[in-house]
Protein backbone atom coordinates (compact mmCIF):
# COMPACT_ATOMS: atom_id res chain seq x y z
CA UNK A 1 -44.83 -133.50 -124.44
CA UNK A 2 -43.57 -132.38 -127.77
CA UNK A 3 -41.69 -128.71 -127.64
CA UNK A 4 -41.00 -127.87 -131.76
CA UNK A 5 -39.05 -124.81 -132.08
CA UNK A 6 -39.54 -123.22 -135.92
CA UNK A 7 -40.46 -119.92 -138.02
CA UNK A 8 -43.70 -121.41 -138.33
CA UNK A 9 -44.16 -124.51 -136.04
CA UNK A 10 -43.44 -126.99 -138.86
CA UNK A 11 -39.45 -127.62 -138.40
CA UNK A 12 -36.89 -127.63 -135.53
CA UNK A 13 -34.85 -124.57 -137.41
CA UNK A 14 -34.99 -122.07 -134.66
CA UNK A 15 -33.70 -118.91 -136.71
CA UNK A 16 -36.44 -116.60 -137.10
CA UNK A 17 -38.00 -115.31 -139.66
CA UNK A 18 -37.83 -111.82 -139.77
CA UNK A 19 -40.81 -110.82 -142.24
CA UNK A 20 -43.75 -113.10 -140.36
CA UNK A 21 -45.94 -111.60 -138.17
CA UNK A 22 -48.11 -113.50 -135.64
CA UNK A 23 -51.85 -112.17 -135.36
CA UNK A 24 -53.55 -114.06 -132.13
CA UNK A 25 -57.30 -113.82 -132.40
CA UNK A 26 -59.49 -114.70 -135.32
CA UNK A 27 -62.37 -111.88 -135.11
CA UNK A 28 -62.44 -109.42 -137.27
CA UNK A 29 -60.21 -107.02 -136.20
CA UNK A 30 -57.29 -110.01 -136.64
CA UNK A 31 -59.06 -111.44 -139.94
CA UNK A 32 -58.53 -107.77 -141.11
CA UNK A 33 -54.95 -107.18 -140.21
CA UNK A 34 -53.54 -110.51 -141.02
CA UNK A 35 -55.41 -110.42 -145.20
CA UNK A 36 -53.99 -106.64 -145.06
CA UNK A 37 -50.41 -108.61 -144.25
CA UNK A 38 -50.55 -111.45 -146.64
CA UNK A 39 -52.13 -109.38 -149.06
CA UNK A 40 -48.75 -107.00 -148.71
CA UNK A 41 -46.81 -110.04 -149.30
CA UNK A 42 -45.98 -110.44 -145.22
CA UNK A 43 -46.21 -114.12 -144.16
CA UNK A 44 -48.55 -113.86 -141.30
CA UNK A 45 -50.29 -116.89 -138.88
CA UNK A 46 -53.09 -116.12 -137.10
CA UNK A 47 -53.19 -118.61 -133.79
CA UNK A 48 -57.04 -118.54 -132.81
CA UNK A 49 -57.91 -120.54 -129.18
CA UNK A 50 -62.03 -121.52 -130.46
CA UNK A 51 -62.13 -124.82 -133.04
CA UNK A 52 -62.56 -123.84 -137.00
CA UNK A 53 -66.20 -122.67 -136.55
CA UNK A 54 -68.03 -119.14 -136.88
CA UNK A 55 -70.71 -119.08 -134.30
CA UNK A 56 -73.72 -117.19 -134.39
CA UNK A 57 -74.19 -115.85 -131.39
CA UNK A 58 -72.78 -112.24 -132.70
CA UNK A 59 -71.57 -109.97 -130.33
CA UNK A 60 -71.89 -106.73 -132.65
CA UNK A 61 -74.74 -105.49 -135.35
CA UNK A 62 -73.69 -102.58 -136.88
CA UNK A 63 -70.65 -101.35 -139.30
CA UNK A 64 -70.50 -97.70 -139.07
CA UNK A 65 -69.84 -95.00 -142.02
CA UNK A 66 -65.94 -95.56 -141.05
CA UNK A 67 -65.36 -99.04 -141.21
CA UNK A 68 -67.23 -99.31 -144.59
CA UNK A 69 -64.71 -96.94 -146.14
CA UNK A 70 -62.12 -99.15 -144.80
CA UNK A 71 -63.84 -102.40 -146.17
CA UNK A 72 -64.41 -100.29 -149.39
CA UNK A 73 -61.03 -99.62 -149.80
CA UNK A 74 -60.61 -103.54 -149.92
CA UNK A 75 -63.22 -104.04 -152.10
CA UNK A 76 -65.85 -105.26 -149.65
CA UNK A 77 -68.38 -102.74 -148.82
CA UNK A 78 -70.31 -103.76 -151.83
CA UNK A 79 -71.03 -107.39 -150.64
CA UNK A 80 -71.36 -106.78 -147.08
CA UNK A 81 -73.95 -104.13 -147.98
CA UNK A 82 -75.92 -106.72 -150.37
CA UNK A 83 -75.77 -109.19 -146.53
CA UNK A 84 -77.42 -106.17 -144.51
CA UNK A 85 -79.87 -103.50 -144.41
CA UNK A 86 -78.95 -99.40 -144.21
CA UNK A 87 -80.08 -97.14 -141.14
CA UNK A 88 -80.51 -93.75 -142.08
CA UNK A 89 -80.35 -92.89 -138.32
CA UNK A 90 -79.53 -93.98 -135.13
CA UNK A 91 -82.35 -93.59 -131.85
CA UNK A 92 -79.69 -93.90 -128.52
CA UNK A 93 -82.88 -92.84 -126.73
CA UNK A 94 -85.98 -91.72 -126.67
CA UNK A 95 -85.92 -87.54 -127.24
CA UNK A 96 -81.74 -88.41 -129.53
CA UNK A 97 -81.94 -89.52 -133.08
CA UNK A 98 -78.81 -88.89 -134.90
CA UNK A 99 -79.40 -88.78 -138.83
CA UNK A 100 -77.02 -90.23 -140.64
CA UNK A 101 -78.20 -89.78 -144.47
CA UNK A 102 -75.85 -86.35 -143.98
CA UNK A 103 -72.70 -87.73 -143.64
CA UNK A 104 -70.17 -86.26 -145.54
CA UNK A 105 -69.87 -90.25 -146.88
CA UNK A 106 -70.01 -92.41 -149.61
CA UNK A 107 -72.04 -94.42 -146.52
CA UNK A 108 -74.35 -92.03 -144.77
CA UNK A 109 -75.90 -94.49 -142.95
CA UNK A 110 -75.00 -97.35 -140.71
CA UNK A 111 -75.37 -101.49 -141.85
CA UNK A 112 -77.01 -103.43 -139.61
CA UNK A 113 -74.95 -106.90 -139.90
CA UNK A 114 -73.91 -109.08 -137.62
CA UNK A 115 -70.36 -109.96 -136.84
CA UNK A 116 -70.20 -113.72 -138.09
CA UNK A 117 -71.10 -112.28 -141.02
CA UNK A 118 -68.18 -109.59 -141.56
CA UNK A 119 -66.42 -112.47 -140.10
CA UNK A 120 -67.20 -114.39 -143.08
CA UNK A 121 -66.24 -112.43 -145.36
CA UNK A 122 -62.88 -111.13 -143.79
CA UNK A 123 -61.69 -114.94 -143.39
CA UNK A 124 -62.39 -115.38 -147.13
CA UNK A 125 -60.12 -112.80 -148.30
CA UNK A 126 -58.08 -114.02 -145.40
CA UNK A 127 -57.30 -117.30 -146.82
CA UNK A 128 -57.08 -116.35 -150.31
CA UNK A 129 -54.16 -113.66 -149.67
CA UNK A 130 -52.29 -117.02 -148.02
CA UNK A 131 -53.14 -116.55 -144.27
CA UNK A 132 -51.39 -119.48 -142.05
CA UNK A 133 -54.78 -119.96 -139.53
CA UNK A 134 -53.94 -121.85 -136.33
CA UNK A 135 -57.24 -123.20 -135.01
CA UNK A 136 -57.77 -125.13 -131.57
CA UNK A 137 -54.26 -122.86 -130.55
CA UNK A 138 -54.00 -121.43 -127.04
CA UNK A 139 -51.08 -118.65 -126.15
CA UNK A 140 -49.58 -119.93 -123.53
CA UNK A 141 -46.62 -117.45 -123.41
CA UNK A 142 -44.91 -114.82 -125.65
CA UNK A 143 -41.10 -113.73 -125.49
CA UNK A 144 -39.14 -111.47 -127.37
CA UNK A 145 -35.97 -109.53 -127.88
CA UNK A 146 -34.55 -107.07 -129.96
CA UNK A 147 -34.48 -109.27 -133.12
CA UNK A 148 -37.99 -110.81 -132.78
CA UNK A 149 -40.61 -112.46 -131.03
CA UNK A 150 -41.67 -116.14 -129.93
CA UNK A 151 -45.07 -116.98 -129.38
CA UNK A 152 -45.68 -119.98 -127.15
CA UNK A 153 -48.39 -121.99 -127.58
CA UNK A 154 -50.16 -125.46 -126.83
CA UNK A 155 -51.89 -126.83 -129.76
CA UNK A 156 -55.53 -129.42 -130.44
CA UNK A 157 -53.63 -132.53 -128.57
CA UNK A 158 -51.50 -130.62 -125.71
CA UNK A 159 -48.71 -130.40 -127.53
CA UNK A 160 -46.68 -127.49 -127.16
CA UNK A 161 -45.19 -124.99 -129.85
CA UNK A 162 -43.01 -121.89 -130.57
CA UNK A 163 -44.27 -120.24 -132.92
CA UNK A 164 -41.51 -117.06 -134.18
CA UNK A 165 -41.32 -113.79 -135.77
CA UNK A 166 -40.93 -110.51 -136.38
CA UNK A 167 -43.52 -109.07 -134.65
CA UNK A 168 -46.82 -110.44 -132.82
CA UNK A 169 -50.31 -108.65 -132.02
CA UNK A 170 -52.75 -109.67 -129.81
CA UNK A 171 -56.12 -108.87 -130.97
CA UNK A 172 -57.97 -111.71 -128.70
CA UNK A 173 -60.39 -109.77 -126.96
CA UNK A 174 -61.11 -108.47 -123.73
CA UNK A 175 -58.98 -111.41 -121.32
CA UNK A 176 -55.95 -111.51 -123.73
CA UNK A 177 -53.53 -113.99 -122.92
CA UNK A 178 -51.36 -111.77 -125.40
CA UNK A 179 -51.90 -108.75 -123.52
CA UNK A 180 -51.36 -111.19 -119.89
CA UNK A 181 -47.72 -112.70 -121.26
CA UNK A 182 -46.35 -108.98 -122.07
CA UNK A 183 -47.85 -107.64 -118.60
CA UNK A 184 -49.58 -104.80 -119.55
CA UNK A 185 -52.34 -104.12 -116.64
CA UNK A 186 -55.88 -103.49 -118.39
CA UNK A 187 -57.25 -100.33 -115.81
CA UNK A 188 -60.99 -99.79 -115.31
CA UNK A 189 -64.01 -100.59 -114.38
CA UNK A 190 -67.62 -102.36 -114.69
CA UNK A 191 -69.78 -99.60 -115.60
CA UNK A 192 -72.97 -102.18 -115.95
CA UNK A 193 -73.45 -105.28 -114.06
CA UNK A 194 -75.95 -108.00 -114.82
CA UNK A 195 -76.45 -107.16 -118.57
CA UNK A 196 -78.94 -109.73 -120.41
CA UNK A 197 -78.80 -111.05 -123.85
CA UNK A 198 -81.09 -113.38 -125.63
CA UNK A 199 -81.32 -114.47 -129.18
CA UNK A 200 -85.21 -115.05 -129.28
CA UNK A 201 -88.08 -115.42 -131.91
CA UNK A 202 -90.94 -112.60 -131.53
CA UNK A 203 -94.53 -112.73 -132.67
CA UNK A 204 -94.37 -109.17 -133.31
CA UNK A 205 -92.21 -107.87 -136.05
CA UNK A 206 -90.61 -104.38 -134.26
CA UNK A 207 -91.27 -100.77 -136.44
CA UNK A 208 -88.05 -99.82 -136.33
CA UNK A 209 -84.56 -102.02 -137.77
CA UNK A 210 -83.40 -101.50 -134.78
CA UNK A 211 -84.83 -101.08 -131.56
CA UNK A 212 -83.84 -99.21 -128.64
CA UNK A 213 -84.40 -97.37 -125.07
CA UNK A 214 -84.38 -96.67 -121.76
CA UNK A 215 -86.03 -95.76 -118.57
CA UNK A 216 -85.21 -94.75 -115.25
CA UNK A 217 -84.12 -98.62 -113.92
CA UNK A 218 -84.56 -100.35 -117.59
CA UNK A 219 -82.94 -100.24 -121.04
CA UNK A 220 -83.72 -102.65 -124.01
CA UNK A 221 -82.33 -103.01 -127.30
CA UNK A 222 -83.17 -105.43 -130.86
CA UNK A 223 -81.65 -106.34 -133.37
CA UNK A 224 -82.43 -108.98 -136.00
CA UNK A 225 -80.00 -111.56 -137.33
CA UNK A 226 -81.92 -112.20 -140.53
CA UNK A 227 -82.87 -115.40 -139.93
CA UNK A 228 -86.16 -115.19 -137.72
CA UNK A 229 -83.96 -114.36 -134.58
CA UNK A 230 -83.59 -111.58 -132.84
CA UNK A 231 -80.98 -110.22 -130.59
CA UNK A 232 -82.52 -108.59 -126.98
CA UNK A 233 -80.00 -107.05 -124.42
CA UNK A 234 -81.40 -106.03 -121.70
CA UNK A 235 -80.80 -104.64 -118.21
CA UNK A 236 -82.87 -103.91 -114.64
CA UNK A 237 -81.27 -101.50 -112.24
CA UNK A 238 -82.85 -103.75 -108.77
CA UNK A 239 -81.61 -107.21 -110.77
CA UNK A 240 -77.92 -106.91 -109.75
CA UNK A 241 -76.46 -110.70 -109.33
CA UNK A 242 -73.01 -112.24 -110.80
CA UNK A 243 -72.83 -112.76 -114.71
CA UNK A 244 -73.37 -117.00 -113.40
CA UNK A 245 -76.81 -117.00 -112.34
CA UNK A 246 -79.02 -118.03 -114.60
CA UNK A 247 -81.31 -116.00 -116.95
CA UNK A 248 -84.70 -117.49 -117.80
CA UNK A 249 -87.27 -115.53 -120.82
CA UNK A 250 -89.46 -114.36 -118.02
CA UNK A 251 -86.60 -112.40 -117.06
CA UNK A 252 -85.89 -111.18 -120.81
CA UNK A 253 -89.96 -110.46 -121.24
CA UNK A 254 -90.03 -108.38 -118.36
CA UNK A 255 -86.87 -106.27 -118.86
CA UNK A 256 -87.90 -105.52 -122.47
CA UNK A 257 -91.79 -104.62 -121.57
CA UNK A 258 -90.28 -101.85 -118.71
CA UNK A 259 -88.08 -100.21 -121.38
CA UNK A 260 -90.59 -100.49 -124.63
CA UNK A 261 -93.53 -100.90 -123.73
CA UNK A 262 -93.97 -105.01 -125.00
CA UNK A 263 -91.94 -108.05 -125.64
CA UNK A 264 -93.16 -108.73 -128.96
CA UNK A 265 -94.21 -112.08 -128.38
CA UNK A 266 -90.52 -113.30 -127.26
CA UNK A 267 -90.56 -117.05 -127.25
CA UNK A 268 -87.97 -120.14 -128.69
CA UNK A 269 -84.95 -118.75 -126.89
CA UNK A 270 -82.03 -120.51 -128.75
CA UNK A 271 -79.14 -119.07 -126.49
CA UNK A 272 -79.44 -116.42 -122.99
CA UNK A 273 -76.71 -115.68 -120.63
CA UNK A 274 -75.47 -112.77 -117.92
CA UNK A 275 -72.70 -110.81 -118.87
CA UNK A 276 -71.01 -107.50 -117.50
CA UNK A 277 -69.87 -103.81 -119.33
CA UNK A 278 -66.31 -102.61 -118.44
CA UNK A 279 -64.10 -99.87 -119.23
CA UNK A 280 -61.00 -100.65 -119.32
CA UNK A 281 -57.71 -99.24 -121.74
CA UNK A 282 -54.17 -100.49 -121.84
CA UNK A 283 -51.64 -97.81 -121.13
CA UNK A 284 -49.64 -99.18 -124.25
CA UNK A 285 -50.90 -100.39 -127.52
CA UNK A 286 -46.87 -101.81 -128.22
CA UNK A 287 -44.43 -103.56 -125.93
CA UNK A 288 -41.25 -103.62 -127.91
CA UNK A 289 -42.41 -106.17 -130.89
CA UNK A 290 -45.58 -106.57 -129.70
CA UNK A 291 -48.85 -105.13 -130.77
CA UNK A 292 -52.34 -105.07 -129.04
CA UNK A 293 -55.71 -103.75 -130.81
CA UNK A 294 -59.58 -104.29 -130.88
CA UNK A 295 -60.88 -106.13 -127.23
CA UNK A 296 -57.10 -106.83 -126.45
CA UNK A 297 -56.56 -102.91 -125.87
CA UNK A 298 -59.77 -101.77 -125.21
CA UNK A 299 -63.21 -102.62 -124.23
CA UNK A 300 -66.44 -100.57 -123.35
CA UNK A 301 -70.12 -100.52 -123.57
CA UNK A 302 -71.87 -101.45 -126.45
CA UNK A 303 -73.65 -98.01 -126.56
CA UNK A 304 -73.35 -96.83 -129.98
CA UNK A 305 -72.10 -99.88 -131.62
CA UNK A 306 -68.72 -98.52 -131.90
CA UNK A 307 -66.66 -101.52 -130.49
CA UNK A 308 -66.33 -104.02 -133.61
CA UNK A 309 -65.86 -100.41 -135.25
CA UNK A 310 -62.67 -99.32 -133.31
CA UNK A 311 -60.56 -102.29 -133.39
CA UNK A 312 -61.74 -102.64 -136.74
CA UNK A 313 -60.10 -99.01 -137.58
CA UNK A 314 -57.01 -100.19 -135.24
CA UNK A 315 -56.34 -102.79 -137.64
CA UNK A 316 -56.19 -100.89 -140.77
CA UNK A 317 -53.69 -98.19 -138.73
CA UNK A 318 -51.46 -100.51 -137.76
CA UNK A 319 -51.68 -103.19 -141.19
CA UNK A 320 -49.83 -100.83 -143.69
CA UNK A 321 -47.18 -99.51 -141.28
CA UNK A 322 -46.17 -102.79 -140.28
CA UNK A 323 -46.21 -103.52 -143.78
CA UNK A 324 -43.99 -100.98 -144.78
CA UNK A 325 -41.51 -101.88 -142.16
CA UNK A 326 -41.13 -105.44 -143.19
CA UNK A 327 -40.96 -104.68 -146.69
CA UNK A 328 -38.33 -102.47 -145.96
CA UNK A 329 -39.90 -98.92 -147.57
CA UNK A 330 -40.01 -97.98 -143.86
CA UNK A 331 -37.99 -97.42 -140.70
CA UNK A 332 -39.20 -99.10 -137.40
CA UNK A 333 -39.82 -95.75 -135.83
CA UNK A 334 -43.43 -95.68 -137.80
CA UNK A 335 -45.05 -98.14 -135.54
CA UNK A 336 -44.70 -95.86 -132.67
CA UNK A 337 -47.71 -93.40 -134.65
CA UNK A 338 -49.84 -96.35 -134.05
CA UNK A 339 -49.83 -95.85 -130.15
CA UNK A 340 -49.96 -92.23 -130.81
CA UNK A 341 -52.67 -92.58 -133.34
CA UNK A 342 -55.14 -94.87 -132.00
CA UNK A 343 -55.16 -94.95 -128.21
CA UNK A 344 -56.50 -91.03 -127.87
CA UNK A 345 -59.54 -92.81 -130.48
CA UNK A 346 -59.62 -95.61 -127.54
CA UNK A 347 -59.83 -93.33 -125.12
CA UNK A 348 -62.88 -91.06 -126.85
CA UNK A 349 -64.63 -93.82 -127.42
CA UNK A 350 -64.54 -94.63 -123.98
CA UNK A 351 -65.61 -91.38 -123.00
CA UNK A 352 -68.83 -90.95 -125.81
CA UNK A 353 -70.07 -94.87 -125.50
CA UNK A 354 -69.91 -94.23 -121.43
CA UNK A 355 -71.68 -90.55 -121.74
CA UNK A 356 -74.17 -92.37 -123.51
CA UNK A 357 -74.87 -95.20 -121.62
CA UNK A 358 -74.81 -92.94 -118.19
CA UNK A 359 -77.36 -91.08 -119.99
CA UNK A 360 -79.57 -93.74 -120.54
CA UNK A 361 -79.41 -95.16 -117.32
CA UNK A 362 -79.93 -91.55 -115.67
CA UNK A 363 -82.93 -92.09 -112.98
CA UNK A 364 -82.73 -88.92 -110.42
CA UNK A 365 -84.06 -85.66 -111.27
CA UNK A 366 -80.94 -83.54 -111.38
CA UNK A 367 -79.62 -86.48 -114.39
CA UNK A 368 -82.88 -87.03 -115.94
CA UNK A 369 -82.64 -82.67 -115.95
CA UNK A 370 -79.17 -83.11 -117.33
CA UNK A 371 -80.65 -85.50 -119.90
CA UNK A 372 -83.04 -83.87 -121.38
CA UNK A 373 -80.77 -80.41 -121.51
CA UNK A 374 -77.94 -81.92 -123.19
CA UNK A 375 -80.45 -83.95 -125.75
CA UNK A 376 -82.28 -80.19 -126.31
CA UNK A 377 -78.76 -78.96 -127.19
CA UNK A 378 -77.95 -82.07 -129.72
CA UNK A 379 -81.17 -81.56 -131.19
CA UNK A 380 -81.01 -78.13 -131.60
CA UNK A 381 -77.39 -77.56 -132.28
CA UNK A 382 -75.88 -77.91 -135.56
CA UNK A 383 -71.79 -78.51 -134.67
CA UNK A 384 -72.46 -80.20 -131.41
CA UNK A 385 -74.29 -82.89 -133.18
CA UNK A 386 -72.26 -83.05 -136.42
CA UNK A 387 -69.40 -84.28 -134.12
CA UNK A 388 -70.89 -86.56 -131.64
CA UNK A 389 -72.18 -88.35 -134.79
CA UNK A 390 -68.53 -87.88 -136.13
CA UNK A 391 -67.61 -89.83 -132.82
CA UNK A 392 -70.20 -92.62 -133.24
CA UNK A 393 -69.60 -93.17 -136.95
CA UNK A 394 -65.52 -93.15 -136.84
CA UNK A 395 -65.89 -90.55 -139.39
CA UNK A 396 -64.38 -87.23 -136.98
CA UNK A 397 -61.23 -88.41 -136.04
CA UNK A 398 -58.32 -86.85 -137.00
CA UNK A 399 -54.43 -88.04 -136.52
CA UNK A 400 -51.52 -86.06 -134.86
CA UNK A 401 -49.84 -84.44 -137.32
CA UNK A 402 -46.10 -82.92 -137.10
CA UNK A 403 -45.53 -79.05 -136.60
CA UNK A 404 -45.61 -76.78 -139.18
CA UNK A 405 -47.56 -79.34 -141.36
CA UNK A 406 -50.67 -78.48 -144.19
CA UNK A 407 -54.07 -78.42 -142.13
CA UNK A 408 -55.16 -81.66 -144.01
CA UNK A 409 -52.28 -84.01 -142.44
CA UNK A 410 -54.18 -86.37 -140.34
CA UNK A 411 -57.20 -86.05 -141.84
CA UNK A 412 -59.62 -88.31 -143.21
CA UNK A 413 -60.60 -88.41 -146.95
CA UNK A 414 -63.82 -88.69 -148.06
CA UNK A 415 -64.47 -91.02 -151.54
CA UNK A 416 -64.00 -88.25 -153.75
CA UNK A 417 -64.29 -88.54 -157.13
CA UNK A 418 -61.22 -88.62 -159.61
CA UNK A 419 -60.29 -87.43 -163.05
CA UNK A 420 -59.67 -91.09 -164.47
CA UNK A 421 -63.54 -91.31 -163.78
CA UNK A 422 -62.67 -93.71 -161.22
CA UNK A 423 -62.83 -93.05 -157.02
CA UNK A 424 -60.26 -93.27 -154.36
CA UNK A 425 -60.85 -95.67 -152.43
CA UNK A 426 -60.83 -97.93 -155.55
CA UNK A 427 -57.42 -96.64 -156.19
CA UNK A 428 -56.51 -97.20 -152.33
CA UNK A 429 -57.26 -100.91 -152.99
CA UNK A 430 -54.27 -102.80 -152.89
CA UNK A 431 -52.92 -101.15 -149.67
CA UNK A 432 -51.26 -97.80 -152.01
CA UNK A 433 -50.59 -94.68 -151.42
CA UNK A 434 -52.36 -91.96 -153.79
CA UNK A 435 -50.80 -89.09 -154.48
CA UNK A 436 -54.21 -86.18 -156.16
CA UNK A 437 -52.62 -83.55 -158.11
CA UNK A 438 -54.73 -80.56 -159.77
CA UNK A 439 -56.09 -81.97 -162.75
CA UNK A 440 -54.12 -79.93 -165.26
CA UNK A 441 -50.88 -80.51 -163.40
CA UNK A 442 -48.10 -81.39 -166.00
CA UNK A 443 -47.82 -85.69 -165.29
CA UNK A 444 -44.86 -86.72 -163.33
CA UNK A 445 -43.63 -90.24 -163.09
CA UNK A 446 -44.00 -90.45 -159.79
CA UNK A 447 -45.21 -94.19 -159.89
CA UNK A 448 -42.33 -95.66 -161.22
CA UNK A 449 -39.14 -98.12 -159.99
CA UNK A 450 -40.02 -99.71 -156.45
CA UNK A 451 -42.46 -97.71 -155.87
CA UNK A 452 -44.43 -98.71 -158.76
CA UNK A 453 -46.82 -101.45 -156.99
CA UNK A 454 -47.13 -99.01 -153.79
CA UNK A 455 -48.63 -95.75 -155.26
CA UNK A 456 -51.22 -94.90 -157.68
CA UNK A 457 -51.16 -90.95 -159.21
CA UNK A 458 -54.39 -89.70 -159.67
CA UNK A 459 -55.92 -85.97 -160.49
CA UNK A 460 -58.44 -84.03 -158.84
CA UNK A 461 -62.21 -84.28 -160.62
CA UNK A 462 -62.68 -81.21 -159.50
CA UNK A 463 -60.54 -77.66 -159.73
CA UNK A 464 -59.25 -78.57 -156.66
CA UNK A 465 -55.62 -76.98 -156.49
CA UNK A 466 -53.84 -78.72 -153.51
CA UNK A 467 -52.07 -82.05 -153.96
CA UNK A 468 -52.15 -84.59 -151.22
CA UNK A 469 -50.84 -88.05 -150.63
CA UNK A 470 -53.26 -90.48 -149.07
CA UNK A 471 -52.04 -93.12 -146.68
CA UNK A 472 -53.24 -96.71 -147.67
CA UNK A 473 -56.02 -96.14 -144.30
CA UNK A 474 -57.32 -93.24 -146.21
CA UNK A 475 -55.84 -90.09 -144.04
CA UNK A 476 -53.59 -87.38 -145.28
CA UNK A 477 -49.45 -87.83 -145.20
CA UNK A 478 -48.83 -84.68 -146.28
CA UNK A 479 -50.29 -82.10 -148.54
CA UNK A 480 -49.38 -78.73 -150.01
CA UNK A 481 -51.13 -75.91 -152.04
CA UNK A 482 -49.25 -75.08 -155.06
CA UNK A 483 -47.47 -77.68 -155.40
CA UNK A 484 -48.08 -78.96 -158.90
CA UNK A 485 -45.36 -77.61 -160.92
CA UNK A 486 -42.58 -78.00 -158.29
CA UNK A 487 -41.63 -81.76 -158.68
CA UNK A 488 -38.54 -81.64 -156.24
CA UNK A 489 -41.21 -80.70 -153.45
CA UNK A 490 -43.66 -83.76 -154.19
CA UNK A 491 -41.09 -85.91 -154.84
CA UNK A 492 -39.00 -85.34 -151.10
CA UNK A 493 -42.49 -86.30 -149.65
CA UNK A 494 -43.37 -89.38 -151.77
CA UNK A 495 -39.05 -90.14 -151.09
CA UNK A 496 -40.50 -89.11 -147.03
CA UNK A 497 -43.51 -91.92 -147.39
CA UNK A 498 -42.84 -94.67 -149.09
CA UNK A 499 -38.74 -94.30 -150.30
CA UNK A 500 -37.28 -93.86 -153.12
CA UNK A 501 -38.21 -94.97 -156.77
CA UNK A 502 -35.02 -95.98 -157.95
């Protein structure tokens, strides 16, 4: 067996490159993260077990507002919106429809778009940024010490290799080889067994872009690929069989008719399978120099379409922090905030998606009565409904702030207009921080020296008096009232977040 050790597996030099990052898993989470790091000048190797082929057998079909905002900060949202179809409301079951057109976001809708279309755009960006791809390569082990991490892999010809880096990130799904290699458990349970999935043609076009409903014993969901095929996901309470049990189209038709009242003339299935839906979360998203993100860190039911979106936001949170540490602009303690900020969000997504699917599966009189009462509250009590919409779309989450911080610290900043005529999320492009000052503030040269390419200084287009420093992921790093004339105070905040200017 051929064993090679090197900074990227191409030579026998065992000295670690202290700025390399290895990302394992080329789904949306891994592609976004790898692209962010490479765009920041960090050498990245992306390892993927599958051959180089983006599958059209998508798991996810929805991009929510917060993910679209993150993609907008990378100049990608417009292209993706051109490929998908917008939906301004989300029906979870017959009595509950969440309106999205009132969202406080530029993207006051969800975008119906198969996952593979998202992957194509993110892969192209990663390639252009210089990410090194290693397809058809399987992770067999991970070693680490205080100086770095070594990822052991097996290549397409069965050859073994050791890839060395400063950090590694497992974005390799719910069966994560990285998670197993670092010894992290994945506690949780199966919530729904024997869910059936089929990609079919329909003789009758559904009236709605996304069609979903649940009755006591069954639910069904239909979404379009855009190529004439539709994804159907359905379940029947009495059909509890192993995942290995074959699926036939008659079963899909029967389940769909029960849940939706008709089967829309399903035919020509190009793929059918059976799976179970788990709720699981790793107790830690970091062990030493190894991180987890996306489905490697958390899995949950598909209710609400939150899976891919949560992973993309994990990547957006971790990427700029790794780049700052490896670029010498921040101490390693910054990486601890990834666990503190993203683990609670993952836990909340498990609760919200699990709650939706349990309500959908309600059968007994008392559970149906509870669902009726809850949907009545959600339909008529604005603040409760807004909170649920914020959770499903991702815009409602905030991150913990240090004691004594301004009330805005840790909150998401919407895409506000700037005095320059631009938008905040345009200014965030390139992984930059953005300092927003009152529009009549005396300009100061804060964006000079070593931070010049990492900071944009802008002013509010409105009369707002708050000075705000926005992180690359669109959350507030620091804020103060009436600080526009206090140069030292602003400079101290910039130094804490970005390092010195000289």
